Amino acid sequence: MTIKDSRREYKFATMRRSSMRDDPIDQFRMWLDAALAADLPDPTAMCLATVDNSGRPSQRMVLLKDFGDDGFVFFTNLKSRKASEIICNNSVCLHFSWLSLERQVIIRGKAELLSREKVDNYFHGRPRTSQIGAWASRQSKVITNRAVLEERYARIEKQFAQFEIPTPEFWGGYRVSLERVEFWQGGKQRLHDRFCYIPDGVNLTIPKWKIERLAP
């Protein structure tokens, strides 16, 4: 089999407008619950797309840590490439890929920094090994070999052996707002079902959404 012949039929489910929730967060929660129940590997993993100041895109996988009407949350090193690009342009895109369920979710919005209080609360709830790892890695910087990381980890571990590990100043989080949310369900004969949620109106206390079906 060659790459051009690699394909399969999508038969898991179909989507109808009548079955869609009125709010994209409710729809997302339903699909995430299904991914969790199916015991998929890394169901909260999402691809984060950013662009630099020259318009060149970058992508990487991050983990969803919270979500709600005000957006989707992830944490990272604030000196990383992704953080540097968000400073230049905070319009980002998130992509969840639950391919064994033949589902995808795409979220477009603005990334805004979380408060230090929220960052501290999350950081101190992480496993101690993850806290040390955050201190040890100068994310996106060039290093000579893995031993550099291991030596930094051992040094930080020793430094804070008898203390609570503080949140690094260079570590933080972002909340991505909801400007557009698309749900994709694979369909037979490549007639996939796609529904897009777009805000219907501006400055609404209670967000309202227009739902449109898109051609596959």
Protein backbone atom coordinates (compact mmCIF):
# COMPACT_ATOMS: atom_id res chain seq x y z
CA MET A 1 0.00 0.00 0.00
CA THR A 2 1.26 3.48 -0.86
CA ILE A 3 0.45 6.69 0.97
CA LYS A 4 -2.00 7.75 -1.74
CA ASP A 5 -3.95 4.52 -1.20
CA SER A 6 -4.13 4.90 2.59
CA ARG A 7 -7.73 5.72 3.50
CA ARG A 8 -10.69 4.43 5.46
CA GLU A 9 -14.42 4.95 5.56
CA TYR A 10 -15.88 7.05 8.40
CA LYS A 11 -18.83 5.25 9.97
CA PHE A 12 -18.83 6.15 13.67
CA ALA A 13 -21.67 8.67 13.77
CA THR A 14 -23.46 11.51 12.03
CA MET A 15 -24.42 14.98 13.23
CA ARG A 16 -27.69 16.83 12.77
CA ARG A 17 -28.44 20.44 13.67
CA SER A 18 -31.27 19.22 15.88
CA SER A 19 -28.79 17.24 18.01
CA MET A 20 -26.35 20.12 18.53
CA ARG A 21 -26.30 21.98 21.85
CA ASP A 22 -27.07 25.70 21.66
CA ASP A 23 -23.78 26.58 23.37
CA PRO A 24 -20.37 25.41 22.05
CA ILE A 25 -19.06 24.79 25.58
CA ASP A 26 -21.91 22.37 26.27
CA GLN A 27 -21.24 20.64 22.94
CA PHE A 28 -17.50 20.47 23.66
CA ARG A 29 -18.09 19.08 27.16
CA MET A 30 -20.27 16.33 25.70
CA TRP A 31 -17.60 15.35 23.17
CA LEU A 32 -14.76 15.56 25.71
CA ASP A 33 -16.73 13.30 28.07
CA ALA A 34 -17.08 10.81 25.22
CA ALA A 35 -13.33 10.94 24.55
CA LEU A 36 -12.61 10.36 28.25
CA ALA A 37 -15.10 7.51 28.44
CA ALA A 38 -13.51 5.90 25.38
CA ASP A 39 -10.18 5.92 27.25
CA LEU A 40 -8.42 7.66 24.36
CA PRO A 41 -4.72 8.45 24.87
CA ASP A 42 -4.24 12.10 25.89
CA PRO A 43 -7.84 13.21 25.30
CA THR A 44 -7.04 16.72 26.60
CA ALA A 45 -4.12 17.21 24.19
CA MET A 46 -4.68 20.06 21.75
CA CYS A 47 -2.59 21.51 18.96
CA LEU A 48 -1.86 25.21 19.52
CA ALA A 49 -1.13 27.25 16.38
CA THR A 50 0.57 30.65 16.58
CA VAL A 51 2.29 32.98 14.11
CA ASP A 52 5.44 35.03 14.52
CA ASN A 53 5.90 38.70 13.59
CA SER A 54 6.69 37.66 9.98
CA GLY A 55 3.48 35.69 9.66
CA ARG A 56 5.20 32.28 9.79
CA PRO A 57 3.07 29.69 11.63
CA SER A 58 4.14 27.28 14.36
CA GLN A 59 2.27 24.41 15.98
CA ARG A 60 2.79 22.27 19.06
CA MET A 61 0.76 20.09 21.40
CA VAL A 62 -0.27 21.45 24.80
CA LEU A 63 -2.69 20.12 27.42
CA LEU A 64 -6.08 21.64 28.17
CA LYS A 65 -6.28 22.37 31.90
CA ASP A 66 -9.62 24.16 32.22
CA PHE A 67 -12.42 25.45 30.02
CA GLY A 68 -15.67 27.35 30.28
CA ASP A 69 -17.65 30.20 28.78
CA ASP A 70 -14.64 32.48 29.16
CA GLY A 71 -12.29 30.23 27.19
CA PHE A 72 -9.77 27.38 27.16
CA VAL A 73 -6.76 27.33 29.50
CA PHE A 74 -3.22 26.01 29.11
CA PHE A 75 0.07 26.64 30.93
CA THR A 76 3.59 27.09 29.60
CA ASN A 77 6.99 28.72 29.95
CA LEU A 78 6.59 32.44 29.24
CA LYS A 79 10.03 32.50 27.57
CA SER A 80 9.06 29.80 25.08
CA ARG A 81 8.59 30.30 21.36
CA LYS A 82 4.82 30.06 21.67
CA ALA A 83 4.75 32.79 24.33
CA SER A 84 7.02 35.04 22.26
CA GLU A 85 4.75 34.63 19.26
CA ILE A 86 1.63 35.32 21.31
CA ILE A 87 3.20 38.63 22.36
CA CYS A 88 3.51 39.53 18.67
CA ASN A 89 0.03 38.30 17.75
CA ASN A 90 -2.35 36.84 20.31
CA SER A 91 -4.75 35.42 17.71
CA VAL A 92 -4.34 31.65 18.04
CA CYS A 93 -6.04 28.43 17.01
CA LEU A 94 -6.63 25.25 19.03
CA HIS A 95 -7.27 21.84 17.46
CA PHE A 96 -8.51 18.72 19.24
CA SER A 97 -8.10 15.51 17.23
CA TRP A 98 -10.10 12.51 18.47
CA LEU A 99 -9.64 10.46 15.31
CA SER A 100 -10.71 7.10 16.73
CA LEU A 101 -14.09 8.77 17.33
CA GLU A 102 -13.80 10.44 13.91
CA ARG A 103 -14.11 13.84 15.56
CA GLN A 104 -12.22 17.13 15.51
CA VAL A 105 -12.82 20.46 17.24
CA ILE A 106 -11.23 23.72 16.08
CA ILE A 107 -11.28 26.85 18.25
CA ARG A 108 -10.16 30.29 17.14
CA GLY A 109 -9.68 33.13 19.62
CA LYS A 110 -7.38 35.49 21.49
CA ALA A 111 -4.85 34.26 24.06
CA GLU A 112 -4.70 36.36 27.23
CA LEU A 113 -2.38 35.86 30.22
CA LEU A 114 -3.87 34.41 33.38
CA SER A 115 -3.49 36.19 36.71
CA ARG A 116 -0.54 35.18 38.90
CA GLU A 117 -3.01 33.95 41.49
CA LYS A 118 -4.49 31.44 39.05
CA VAL A 119 -1.02 30.43 37.88
CA ASP A 120 0.20 29.89 41.45
CA ASN A 121 -2.88 27.86 42.35
CA TYR A 122 -2.37 25.56 39.40
CA PHE A 123 1.42 25.28 39.78
CA HIS A 124 1.22 24.19 43.41
CA GLY A 125 -1.29 21.51 42.50
CA ARG A 126 1.13 19.90 40.04
CA PRO A 127 3.26 16.87 40.98
CA ARG A 128 6.53 17.94 42.57
CA THR A 129 8.48 16.35 39.71
CA SER A 130 6.61 18.55 37.22
CA GLN A 131 7.32 21.63 39.32
CA ILE A 132 11.04 20.83 39.28
CA GLY A 133 10.88 20.18 35.54
CA ALA A 134 9.38 23.63 34.94
CA TRP A 135 12.35 25.20 36.73
CA ALA A 136 14.89 22.99 34.96
CA SER A 137 13.84 23.60 31.36
CA ARG A 138 14.60 26.84 29.53
CA GLN A 139 11.97 25.98 26.96
CA SER A 140 12.83 26.44 23.27
CA LYS A 141 16.47 27.35 24.00
CA VAL A 142 19.30 25.39 22.35
CA ILE A 143 21.08 22.90 24.65
CA THR A 144 24.11 20.74 23.93
CA ASN A 145 22.71 17.43 25.18
CA ARG A 146 20.21 15.77 27.53
CA ALA A 147 22.74 15.78 30.36
CA VAL A 148 22.27 19.56 30.61
CA LEU A 149 18.61 19.04 31.48
CA GLU A 150 19.33 16.25 33.93
CA GLU A 151 22.00 18.30 35.72
CA ARG A 152 19.64 21.28 36.05
CA TYR A 153 16.88 19.03 37.34
CA ALA A 154 19.19 17.51 39.96
CA ARG A 155 20.37 20.97 41.04
CA ILE A 156 16.82 22.33 41.42
CA GLU A 157 15.71 19.20 43.23
CA LYS A 158 18.53 19.63 45.73
CA GLN A 159 17.96 23.38 46.08
CA PHE A 160 14.32 22.94 47.10
CA ALA A 161 14.69 19.61 48.90
CA GLN A 162 13.40 20.99 52.20
CA PHE A 163 11.09 23.69 50.83
CA GLU A 164 7.92 24.25 48.89
CA ILE A 165 8.84 24.93 45.28
CA PRO A 166 7.86 28.49 44.28
CA THR A 167 6.22 29.27 40.96
CA PRO A 168 8.90 30.47 38.50
CA GLU A 169 8.38 34.04 37.34
CA PHE A 170 8.92 32.79 33.77
CA TRP A 171 6.07 30.28 33.99
CA GLY A 172 2.43 31.16 33.42
CA GLY A 173 -0.80 30.39 31.63
CA TYR A 174 -3.18 31.63 28.95
CA ARG A 175 -6.90 31.62 28.39
CA VAL A 176 -8.04 31.43 24.77
CA SER A 177 -11.33 33.21 24.11
CA LEU A 178 -14.04 31.78 21.87
CA GLU A 179 -14.36 33.66 18.60
CA ARG A 180 -15.26 30.67 16.45
CA VAL A 181 -15.73 26.99 17.31
CA GLU A 182 -16.09 24.22 14.72
CA PHE A 183 -17.13 20.62 15.32
CA TRP A 184 -16.26 18.00 12.68
CA GLN A 185 -17.67 14.49 12.49
CA GLY A 186 -16.40 12.10 9.83
CA GLY A 187 -19.05 10.89 7.39
CA LYS A 188 -19.58 8.22 4.74
CA GLN A 189 -18.48 8.98 1.16
CA ARG A 190 -16.41 11.82 2.65
CA LEU A 191 -19.63 13.74 3.31
CA HIS A 192 -18.41 14.88 6.71
CA ASP A 193 -20.63 16.86 9.08
CA ARG A 194 -19.27 20.27 10.07
CA PHE A 195 -21.00 22.79 12.31
CA CYS A 196 -19.54 26.18 13.22
CA TYR A 197 -20.53 28.33 16.22
CA ILE A 198 -20.12 32.10 15.71
CA PRO A 199 -21.09 34.78 18.28
CA ASP A 200 -24.45 36.28 17.36
CA GLY A 201 -24.18 39.89 18.52
CA VAL A 202 -21.62 41.85 20.56
CA ASN A 203 -21.22 42.87 24.20
CA LEU A 204 -23.84 40.39 25.36
CA THR A 205 -23.89 39.50 29.06
CA ILE A 206 -25.05 36.01 28.14
CA PRO A 207 -23.32 34.94 24.88
CA LYS A 208 -25.59 33.81 22.08
CA TRP A 209 -24.38 31.72 19.17
CA LYS A 210 -25.29 31.32 15.53
CA ILE A 211 -24.76 27.74 14.31
CA GLU A 212 -23.98 27.17 10.65
CA ARG A 213 -23.48 23.92 8.76
CA LEU A 214 -20.37 23.94 6.54
CA ALA A 215 -19.72 21.90 3.43
CA PRO A 216 -17.09 19.18 4.04
